[in-house]
């Protein structure tokens, strides 16, 4: 159940945006599942394909209301690498 998605979360009203989370973060809850039996409480989906893997990453998703924190980190790393690359002299 937790491993299958029949309708893309961006097109399905069962997938909700989290109020203060990343604009690409979606979650759906399973209120009737038995957590004690190992059934999931909720499922997470990332519209950018970079879902949180750990609780720490999920917290970062919750604190990134304007953009994806992973994509922002990649952009910053690329900009820093470009600044550190010496220019070829002619």
PDB file of N, CA and C in Angstrom:
ATOM      1  N   UNK A   1       0.822  -1.200   0.000  1.00  0.00           N
ATOM      2  CA  UNK A   1       0.000   0.000   0.000  1.00  0.00           C
ATOM      3  C   UNK A   1       0.863   1.260   0.000  1.00  0.00           C
ATOM      4  N   UNK A   2       1.853   1.309   0.859  1.00  0.00           N
ATOM      5  CA  UNK A   2       2.668   2.515   0.962  1.00  0.00           C
ATOM      6  C   UNK A   2       3.593   2.691  -0.232  1.00  0.00           C
ATOM      7  N   UNK A   3       3.865   1.619  -0.976  1.00  0.00           N
ATOM      8  CA  UNK A   3       4.817   1.695  -2.067  1.00  0.00           C
ATOM      9  C   UNK A   3       4.224   2.027  -3.418  1.00  0.00           C
ATOM     10  N   UNK A   4       2.905   2.121  -3.518  1.00  0.00           N
ATOM     11  CA  UNK A   4       2.292   2.365  -4.824  1.00  0.00           C
ATOM     12  C   UNK A   4       1.581   3.707  -4.858  1.00  0.00           C
ATOM     13  N   UNK A   5       1.682   4.357  -6.009  1.00  0.00           N
ATOM     14  CA  UNK A   5       0.982   5.619  -6.235  1.00  0.00           C
ATOM     15  C   UNK A   5       0.317   5.505  -7.598  1.00  0.00           C
ATOM     16  N   UNK A   6      -1.005   5.501  -7.609  1.00  0.00           N
ATOM     17  CA  UNK A   6      -1.733   5.346  -8.863  1.00  0.00           C
ATOM     18  C   UNK A   6      -1.950   6.673  -9.572  1.00  0.00           C
ATOM     19  N   UNK A   7      -2.169   7.736  -8.826  1.00  0.00           N
ATOM     20  CA  UNK A   7      -2.385   9.060  -9.395  1.00  0.00           C
ATOM     21  C   UNK A   7      -1.287   9.982  -8.887  1.00  0.00           C
ATOM     22  N   UNK A   8      -0.709  10.767  -9.773  1.00  0.00           N
ATOM     23  CA  UNK A   8       0.368  11.677  -9.375  1.00  0.00           C
ATOM     24  C   UNK A   8      -0.135  12.617  -8.276  1.00  0.00           C
ATOM     25  N   UNK A   9       0.624  12.792  -7.209  1.00  0.00           N
ATOM     26  CA  UNK A   9       0.197  13.638  -6.094  1.00  0.00           C
ATOM     27  C   UNK A   9      -0.182  15.070  -6.472  1.00  0.00           C
ATOM     28  N   UNK A  10       0.396  15.618  -7.525  1.00  0.00           N
ATOM     29  CA  UNK A  10       0.027  16.983  -7.916  1.00  0.00           C
ATOM     30  C   UNK A  10      -1.385  17.038  -8.479  1.00  0.00           C
ATOM     31  N   UNK A  11      -1.947  15.880  -8.848  1.00  0.00           N
ATOM     32  CA  UNK A  11      -3.282  15.815  -9.442  1.00  0.00           C
ATOM     33  C   UNK A  11      -4.305  15.154  -8.521  1.00  0.00           C
ATOM     34  N   UNK A  12      -3.930  14.835  -7.304  1.00  0.00           N
ATOM     35  CA  UNK A  12      -4.794  14.084  -6.411  1.00  0.00           C
ATOM     36  C   UNK A  12      -5.026  14.867  -5.124  1.00  0.00           C
ATOM     37  N   UNK A  13      -6.282  15.070  -4.787  1.00  0.00           N
ATOM     38  CA  UNK A  13      -6.620  15.872  -3.602  1.00  0.00           C
ATOM     39  C   UNK A  13      -6.308  15.165  -2.285  1.00  0.00           C
ATOM     40  N   UNK A  14      -6.015  13.873  -2.315  1.00  0.00           N
ATOM     41  CA  UNK A  14      -5.648  13.168  -1.085  1.00  0.00           C
ATOM     42  C   UNK A  14      -4.236  13.515  -0.625  1.00  0.00           C
ATOM     43  N   UNK A  15      -3.427  14.046  -1.531  1.00  0.00           N
ATOM     44  CA  UNK A  15      -2.075  14.484  -1.195  1.00  0.00           C
ATOM     45  C   UNK A  15      -2.144  15.955  -0.822  1.00  0.00           C
ATOM     46  N   UNK A  16      -1.710  16.286   0.367  1.00  0.00           N
ATOM     47  CA  UNK A  16      -1.832  17.653   0.879  1.00  0.00           C
ATOM     48  C   UNK A  16      -0.482  18.350   0.953  1.00  0.00           C
ATOM     49  N   UNK A  17      -0.534  19.652   0.723  1.00  0.00           N
ATOM     50  CA  UNK A  17       0.637  20.488   0.981  1.00  0.00           C
ATOM     51  C   UNK A  17       0.706  20.709   2.483  1.00  0.00           C
ATOM     52  N   UNK A  18       1.891  20.744   2.999  1.00  0.00           N
ATOM     53  CA  UNK A  18       2.073  21.074   4.413  1.00  0.00           C
ATOM     54  C   UNK A  18       2.143  22.594   4.502  1.00  0.00           C
ATOM     55  N   UNK A  19       1.448  23.165   5.444  1.00  0.00           N
ATOM     56  CA  UNK A  19       1.291  24.620   5.556  1.00  0.00           C
ATOM     57  C   UNK A  19       2.600  25.403   5.454  1.00  0.00           C
ATOM     58  N   UNK A  20       3.623  24.994   6.160  1.00  0.00           N
ATOM     59  CA  UNK A  20       4.879  25.752   6.194  1.00  0.00           C
ATOM     60  C   UNK A  20       6.043  25.045   5.512  1.00  0.00           C
ATOM     61  N   UNK A  21       5.764  23.969   4.804  1.00  0.00           N
ATOM     62  CA  UNK A  21       6.846  23.181   4.202  1.00  0.00           C
ATOM     63  C   UNK A  21       7.174  23.653   2.788  1.00  0.00           C
ATOM     64  N   UNK A  22       8.163  23.017   2.230  1.00  0.00           N
ATOM     65  CA  UNK A  22       8.593  23.246   0.852  1.00  0.00           C
ATOM     66  C   UNK A  22       7.382  23.182  -0.085  1.00  0.00           C
ATOM     67  N   UNK A  23       7.340  24.015  -1.112  1.00  0.00           N
ATOM     68  CA  UNK A  23       6.196  23.998  -2.032  1.00  0.00           C
ATOM     69  C   UNK A  23       6.065  22.688  -2.813  1.00  0.00           C
ATOM     70  N   UNK A  24       7.091  21.849  -2.809  1.00  0.00           N
ATOM     71  CA  UNK A  24       7.059  20.588  -3.551  1.00  0.00           C
ATOM     72  C   UNK A  24       6.781  19.379  -2.657  1.00  0.00           C
ATOM     73  N   UNK A  25       6.668  19.598  -1.358  1.00  0.00           N
ATOM     74  CA  UNK A  25       6.442  18.534  -0.378  1.00  0.00           C
ATOM     75  C   UNK A  25       4.952  18.205  -0.313  1.00  0.00           C
ATOM     76  N   UNK A  26       4.619  16.923  -0.400  1.00  0.00           N
ATOM     77  CA  UNK A  26       3.235  16.470  -0.274  1.00  0.00           C
ATOM     78  C   UNK A  26       3.192  15.294   0.692  1.00  0.00           C
ATOM     79  N   UNK A  27       2.071  15.175   1.393  1.00  0.00           N
ATOM     80  CA  UNK A  27       1.896  14.042   2.282  1.00  0.00           C
ATOM     81  C   UNK A  27       0.439  13.613   2.272  1.00  0.00           C
ATOM     82  N   UNK A  28       0.226  12.329   2.512  1.00  0.00           N
ATOM     83  CA  UNK A  28      -1.134  11.827   2.685  1.00  0.00           C
ATOM     84  C   UNK A  28      -1.134  10.921   3.901  1.00  0.00           C
ATOM     85  N   UNK A  29      -2.213  11.033   4.661  1.00  0.00           N
ATOM     86  CA  UNK A  29      -2.327  10.319   5.924  1.00  0.00           C
ATOM     87  C   UNK A  29      -3.220   9.103   5.769  1.00  0.00           C
ATOM     88  N   UNK A  30      -2.949   8.087   6.571  1.00  0.00           N
ATOM     89  CA  UNK A  30      -3.737   6.864   6.602  1.00  0.00           C
ATOM     90  C   UNK A  30      -4.301   6.699   8.014  1.00  0.00           C
ATOM     91  N   UNK A  31      -5.389   7.396   8.349  1.00  0.00           N
ATOM     92  CA  UNK A  31      -5.900   7.390   9.724  1.00  0.00           C
ATOM     93  C   UNK A  31      -6.407   6.028  10.199  1.00  0.00           C
ATOM     94  N   UNK A  32      -6.745   5.141   9.291  1.00  0.00           N
ATOM     95  CA  UNK A  32      -7.274   3.829   9.694  1.00  0.00           C
ATOM     96  C   UNK A  32      -6.200   2.752   9.798  1.00  0.00           C
ATOM     97  N   UNK A  33      -4.972   3.083   9.454  1.00  0.00           N
ATOM     98  CA  UNK A  33      -3.895   2.089   9.526  1.00  0.00           C
ATOM     99  C   UNK A  33      -3.528   1.773  10.966  1.00  0.00           C
ATOM    100  N   UNK A  34      -3.043   0.577  11.170  1.00  0.00           N
ATOM    101  CA  UNK A  34      -2.615   0.108  12.482  1.00  0.00           C
ATOM    102  C   UNK A  34      -1.098   0.272  12.596  1.00  0.00           C
ATOM    103  N   UNK A  35      -0.676   1.335  13.247  1.00  0.00           N
ATOM    104  CA  UNK A  35       0.751   1.633  13.386  1.00  0.00           C
ATOM    105  C   UNK A  35       1.451   0.538  14.184  1.00  0.00           C
ATOM    106  N   UNK A  36       0.787   0.002  15.188  1.00  0.00           N
ATOM    107  CA  UNK A  36       1.374  -1.061  16.010  1.00  0.00           C
ATOM    108  C   UNK A  36       1.676  -2.308  15.174  1.00  0.00           C
ATOM    109  N   UNK A  37       0.928  -2.496  14.092  1.00  0.00           N
ATOM    110  CA  UNK A  37       1.146  -3.651  13.211  1.00  0.00           C
ATOM    111  C   UNK A  37       2.168  -3.342  12.121  1.00  0.00           C
ATOM    112  N   UNK A  38       2.745  -2.138  12.169  1.00  0.00           N
ATOM    113  CA  UNK A  38       3.769  -1.772  11.198  1.00  0.00           C
ATOM    114  C   UNK A  38       3.248  -1.044   9.971  1.00  0.00           C
ATOM    115  N   UNK A  39       1.964  -0.711   9.961  1.00  0.00           N
ATOM    116  CA  UNK A  39       1.403   0.023   8.827  1.00  0.00           C
ATOM    117  C   UNK A  39       1.768   1.500   8.958  1.00  0.00           C
ATOM    118  N   UNK A  40       2.020   2.173   7.847  1.00  0.00           N
ATOM    119  CA  UNK A  40       2.452   3.580   7.912  1.00  0.00           C
ATOM    120  C   UNK A  40       1.331   4.519   8.354  1.00  0.00           C
ATOM    121  N   UNK A  41       1.726   5.577   9.082  1.00  0.00           N
ATOM    122  CA  UNK A  41       0.778   6.626   9.467  1.00  0.00           C
ATOM    123  C   UNK A  41       0.513   7.554   8.292  1.00  0.00           C
ATOM    124  N   UNK A  42       1.572   7.813   7.509  1.00  0.00           N
ATOM    125  CA  UNK A  42       1.448   8.711   6.372  1.00  0.00           C
ATOM    126  C   UNK A  42       2.514   8.391   5.346  1.00  0.00           C
ATOM    127  N   UNK A  43       2.354   8.963   4.163  1.00  0.00           N
ATOM    128  CA  UNK A  43       3.300   8.775   3.068  1.00  0.00           C
ATOM    129  C   UNK A  43       3.723  10.148   2.574  1.00  0.00           C
ATOM    130  N   UNK A  44       4.989  10.275   2.206  1.00  0.00           N
ATOM    131  CA  UNK A  44       5.556  11.542   1.749  1.00  0.00           C
ATOM    132  C   UNK A  44       5.920  11.429   0.274  1.00  0.00           C
ATOM    133  N   UNK A  45       5.708  12.512  -0.455  1.00  0.00           N
ATOM    134  CA  UNK A  45       6.083  12.570  -1.869  1.00  0.00           C
ATOM    135  C   UNK A  45       6.694  13.934  -2.145  1.00  0.00           C
ATOM    136  N   UNK A  46       7.722  13.953  -2.971  1.00  0.00           N
ATOM    137  CA  UNK A  46       8.356  15.204  -3.380  1.00  0.00           C
ATOM    138  C   UNK A  46       8.137  15.389  -4.874  1.00  0.00           C
ATOM    139  N   UNK A  47       7.559  16.505  -5.261  1.00  0.00           N
ATOM    140  CA  UNK A  47       7.293  16.778  -6.673  1.00  0.00           C
ATOM    141  C   UNK A  47       8.568  16.989  -7.478  1.00  0.00           C
ATOM    142  N   UNK A  48       9.703  17.208  -6.812  1.00  0.00           N
ATOM    143  CA  UNK A  48      10.992  17.371  -7.491  1.00  0.00           C
ATOM    144  C   UNK A  48      11.822  16.087  -7.475  1.00  0.00           C
ATOM    145  N   UNK A  49      11.279  15.033  -6.891  1.00  0.00           N
ATOM    146  CA  UNK A  49      11.986  13.761  -6.881  1.00  0.00           C
ATOM    147  C   UNK A  49      13.081  13.649  -5.838  1.00  0.00           C
ATOM    148  N   UNK A  50      13.050  14.508  -4.818  1.00  0.00           N
ATOM    149  CA  UNK A  50      14.061  14.460  -3.758  1.00  0.00           C
ATOM    150  C   UNK A  50      13.385  14.361  -2.387  1.00  0.00           C
ATOM    151  N   UNK A  51      12.653  13.269  -2.131  1.00  0.00           N
ATOM    152  CA  UNK A  51      11.936  13.168  -0.856  1.00  0.00           C
ATOM    153  C   UNK A  51      12.890  13.036   0.327  1.00  0.00           C
ATOM    154  N   UNK A  52      12.441  13.447   1.509  1.00  0.00           N
ATOM    155  CA  UNK A  52      13.284  13.289   2.692  1.00  0.00           C
ATOM    156  C   UNK A  52      13.460  11.810   3.023  1.00  0.00           C
ATOM    157  N   UNK A  53      14.675  11.450   3.402  1.00  0.00           N
ATOM    158  CA  UNK A  53      14.991  10.066   3.751  1.00  0.00           C
ATOM    159  C   UNK A  53      15.022   9.892   5.268  1.00  0.00           C
ATOM    160  N   UNK A  54      15.466  10.916   5.976  1.00  0.00           N
ATOM    161  CA  UNK A  54      15.581  10.852   7.435  1.00  0.00           C
ATOM    162  C   UNK A  54      14.668  11.899   8.074  1.00  0.00           C
ATOM    163  N   UNK A  55      14.504  11.787   9.383  1.00  0.00           N
ATOM    164  CA  UNK A  55      13.712  12.777  10.123  1.00  0.00           C
ATOM    165  C   UNK A  55      14.357  14.163  10.029  1.00  0.00           C
ATOM    166  N   UNK A  56      15.691  14.210  10.014  1.00  0.00           N
ATOM    167  CA  UNK A  56      16.399  15.490   9.906  1.00  0.00           C
ATOM    168  C   UNK A  56      16.124  16.151   8.552  1.00  0.00           C
ATOM    169  N   UNK A  57      16.124  15.349   7.496  1.00  0.00           N
ATOM    170  CA  UNK A  57      15.820  15.897   6.171  1.00  0.00           C
ATOM    171  C   UNK A  57      14.374  16.374   6.098  1.00  0.00           C
ATOM    172  N   UNK A  58      13.471  15.634   6.732  1.00  0.00           N
ATOM    173  CA  UNK A  58      12.074  16.052   6.732  1.00  0.00           C
ATOM    174  C   UNK A  58      11.917  17.388   7.461  1.00  0.00           C
ATOM    175  N   UNK A  59      12.651  17.580   8.541  1.00  0.00           N
ATOM    176  CA  UNK A  59      12.621  18.866   9.248  1.00  0.00           C
ATOM    177  C   UNK A  59      13.089  19.995   8.335  1.00  0.00           C
ATOM    178  N   UNK A  60      14.107  19.732   7.523  1.00  0.00           N
ATOM    179  CA  UNK A  60      14.574  20.748   6.575  1.00  0.00           C
ATOM    180  C   UNK A  60      13.485  21.067   5.559  1.00  0.00           C
ATOM    181  N   UNK A  61      12.741  20.047   5.128  1.00  0.00           N
ATOM    182  CA  UNK A  61      11.618  20.281   4.208  1.00  0.00           C
ATOM    183  C   UNK A  61      10.571  21.179   4.870  1.00  0.00           C
ATOM    184  N   UNK A  62      10.325  20.948   6.154  1.00  0.00           N
ATOM    185  CA  UNK A  62       9.345  21.754   6.878  1.00  0.00           C
ATOM    186  C   UNK A  62       9.792  23.204   7.044  1.00  0.00           C
ATOM    187  N   UNK A  63      11.098  23.447   7.059  1.00  0.00           N
ATOM    188  CA  UNK A  63      11.613  24.807   7.262  1.00  0.00           C
ATOM    189  C   UNK A  63      11.934  25.531   5.952  1.00  0.00           C
ATOM    190  N   UNK A  64      11.674  24.909   4.821  1.00  0.00           N
ATOM    191  CA  UNK A  64      12.007  25.498   3.515  1.00  0.00           C
ATOM    192  C   UNK A  64      10.732  25.891   2.776  1.00  0.00           C
ATOM    193  N   UNK A  65      10.078  26.913   3.266  1.00  0.00           N
ATOM    194  CA  UNK A  65       8.766  27.282   2.725  1.00  0.00           C
ATOM    195  C   UNK A  65       8.823  27.823   1.294  1.00  0.00           C
ATOM    196  N   UNK A  66       9.918  28.433   0.899  1.00  0.00           N
ATOM    197  CA  UNK A  66       9.988  29.090  -0.408  1.00  0.00           C
ATOM    198  C   UNK A  66      10.586  28.231  -1.517  1.00  0.00           C
ATOM    199  N   UNK A  67      11.453  27.280  -1.165  1.00  0.00           N
ATOM    200  CA  UNK A  67      12.104  26.464  -2.196  1.00  0.00           C
ATOM    201  C   UNK A  67      12.590  25.156  -1.588  1.00  0.00           C
ATOM    202  N   UNK A  68      12.997  24.241  -2.450  1.00  0.00           N
ATOM    203  CA  UNK A  68      13.547  22.960  -2.006  1.00  0.00           C
ATOM    204  C   UNK A  68      14.942  23.187  -1.423  1.00  0.00           C
ATOM    205  N   UNK A  69      15.170  22.763  -0.205  1.00  0.00           N
ATOM    206  CA  UNK A  69      16.471  22.980   0.435  1.00  0.00           C
ATOM    207  C   UNK A  69      17.582  22.220  -0.283  1.00  0.00           C
ATOM    208  N   UNK A  70      17.282  21.043  -0.831  1.00  0.00           N
ATOM    209  CA  UNK A  70      18.316  20.285  -1.555  1.00  0.00           C
ATOM    210  C   UNK A  70      18.737  21.015  -2.825  1.00  0.00           C
ATOM    211  N   UNK A  71      17.752  21.498  -3.575  1.00  0.00           N
ATOM    212  CA  UNK A  71      18.066  22.202  -4.815  1.00  0.00           C
ATOM    213  C   UNK A  71      18.794  23.508  -4.520  1.00  0.00           C
ATOM    214  N   UNK A  72      18.419  24.180  -3.429  1.00  0.00           N
ATOM    215  CA  UNK A  72      19.112  25.414  -3.042  1.00  0.00           C
ATOM    216  C   UNK A  72      20.566  25.108  -2.672  1.00  0.00           C
ATOM    217  N   UNK A  73      20.800  23.999  -1.959  1.00  0.00           N
ATOM    218  CA  UNK A  73      22.171  23.605  -1.607  1.00  0.00           C
ATOM    219  C   UNK A  73      22.991  23.290  -2.850  1.00  0.00           C
ATOM    220  N   UNK A  74      22.394  22.595  -3.819  1.00  0.00           N
ATOM    221  CA  UNK A  74      23.106  22.274  -5.066  1.00  0.00           C
ATOM    222  C   UNK A  74      23.472  23.544  -5.817  1.00  0.00           C
ATOM    223  N   UNK A  75      22.537  24.489  -5.849  1.00  0.00           N
ATOM    224  CA  UNK A  75      22.784  25.750  -6.555  1.00  0.00           C
ATOM    225  C   UNK A  75      23.923  26.516  -5.889  1.00  0.00           C
ATOM    226  N   UNK A  76      23.898  26.584  -4.548  1.00  0.00           N
ATOM    227  CA  UNK A  76      24.957  27.282  -3.822  1.00  0.00           C
ATOM    228  C   UNK A  76      26.308  26.613  -4.045  1.00  0.00           C
ATOM    229  N   UNK A  77      26.334  25.288  -4.055  1.00  0.00           N
ATOM    230  CA  UNK A  77      27.593  24.568  -4.275  1.00  0.00           C
ATOM    231  C   UNK A  77      28.121  24.830  -5.683  1.00  0.00           C
ATOM    232  N   UNK A  78      27.234  24.866  -6.663  1.00  0.00           N
ATOM    233  CA  UNK A  78      27.651  25.129  -8.044  1.00  0.00           C
ATOM    234  C   UNK A  78      28.186  26.550  -8.186  1.00  0.00           C
ATOM    235  N   UNK A  79      27.519  27.508  -7.537  1.00  0.00           N
ATOM    236  CA  UNK A  79      27.983  28.899  -7.592  1.00  0.00           C
ATOM    237  C   UNK A  79      29.346  29.040  -6.916  1.00  0.00           C
ATOM    238  N   UNK A  80      29.526  28.356  -5.792  1.00  0.00           N
ATOM    239  CA  UNK A  80      30.808  28.425  -5.086  1.00  0.00           C
ATOM    240  C   UNK A  80      31.914  27.807  -5.937  1.00  0.00           C
ATOM    241  N   UNK A  81      31.625  26.690  -6.582  1.00  0.00           N
ATOM    242  CA  UNK A  81      32.617  26.036  -7.444  1.00  0.00           C
ATOM    243  C   UNK A  81      32.981  26.934  -8.620  1.00  0.00           C
ATOM    244  N   UNK A  82      31.998  27.634  -9.163  1.00  0.00           N
ATOM    245  CA  UNK A  82      32.261  28.538 -10.287  1.00  0.00           C
ATOM    246  C   UNK A  82      33.141  29.702  -9.844  1.00  0.00           C
ATOM    247  N   UNK A  83      32.928  30.192  -8.620  1.00  0.00           N
ATOM    248  CA  UNK A  83      33.746  31.291  -8.094  1.00  0.00           C
ATOM    249  C   UNK A  83      35.190  30.846  -7.862  1.00  0.00           C
ATOM    250  N   UNK A  84      35.378  29.599  -7.464  1.00  0.00           N
ATOM    251  CA  UNK A  84      36.712  29.094  -7.146  1.00  0.00           C
ATOM    252  C   UNK A  84      37.481  28.616  -8.376  1.00  0.00           C
ATOM    253  N   UNK A  85      36.796  28.439  -9.483  1.00  0.00           N
ATOM    254  CA  UNK A  85      37.461  27.986 -10.705  1.00  0.00           C
ATOM    255  C   UNK A  85      38.228  29.144 -11.317  1.00  0.00           C
ATOM    256  N   UNK A  86      39.530  28.984 -11.516  1.00  0.00           N
ATOM    257  CA  UNK A  86      40.311  30.080 -12.105  1.00  0.00           C
ATOM    258  C   UNK A  86      39.914  30.299 -13.565  1.00  0.00           C
ATOM    259  N   UNK A  87      39.903  31.548 -13.945  1.00  0.00           N
ATOM    260  CA  UNK A  87      39.595  31.898 -15.325  1.00  0.00           C
ATOM    261  C   UNK A  87      40.807  31.615 -16.204  1.00  0.00           C
ATOM    262  N   UNK A  88      40.555  31.116 -17.373  1.00  0.00           N
ATOM    263  CA  UNK A  88      41.647  30.853 -18.318  1.00  0.00           C
ATOM    264  C   UNK A  88      42.130  32.179 -18.882  1.00  0.00           C
ATOM    265  N   UNK A  89      43.433  32.390 -18.848  1.00  0.00           N
ATOM    266  CA  UNK A  89      43.973  33.643 -19.392  1.00  0.00           C
ATOM    267  C   UNK A  89      44.328  33.446 -20.857  1.00  0.00           C
ATOM    268  N   UNK A  90      44.168  34.492 -21.611  1.00  0.00           N
ATOM    269  CA  UNK A  90      44.441  34.419 -23.059  1.00  0.00           C
ATOM    270  C   UNK A  90      45.787  34.963 -23.376  1.00  0.00           C
TER     271      UNK A  90
END
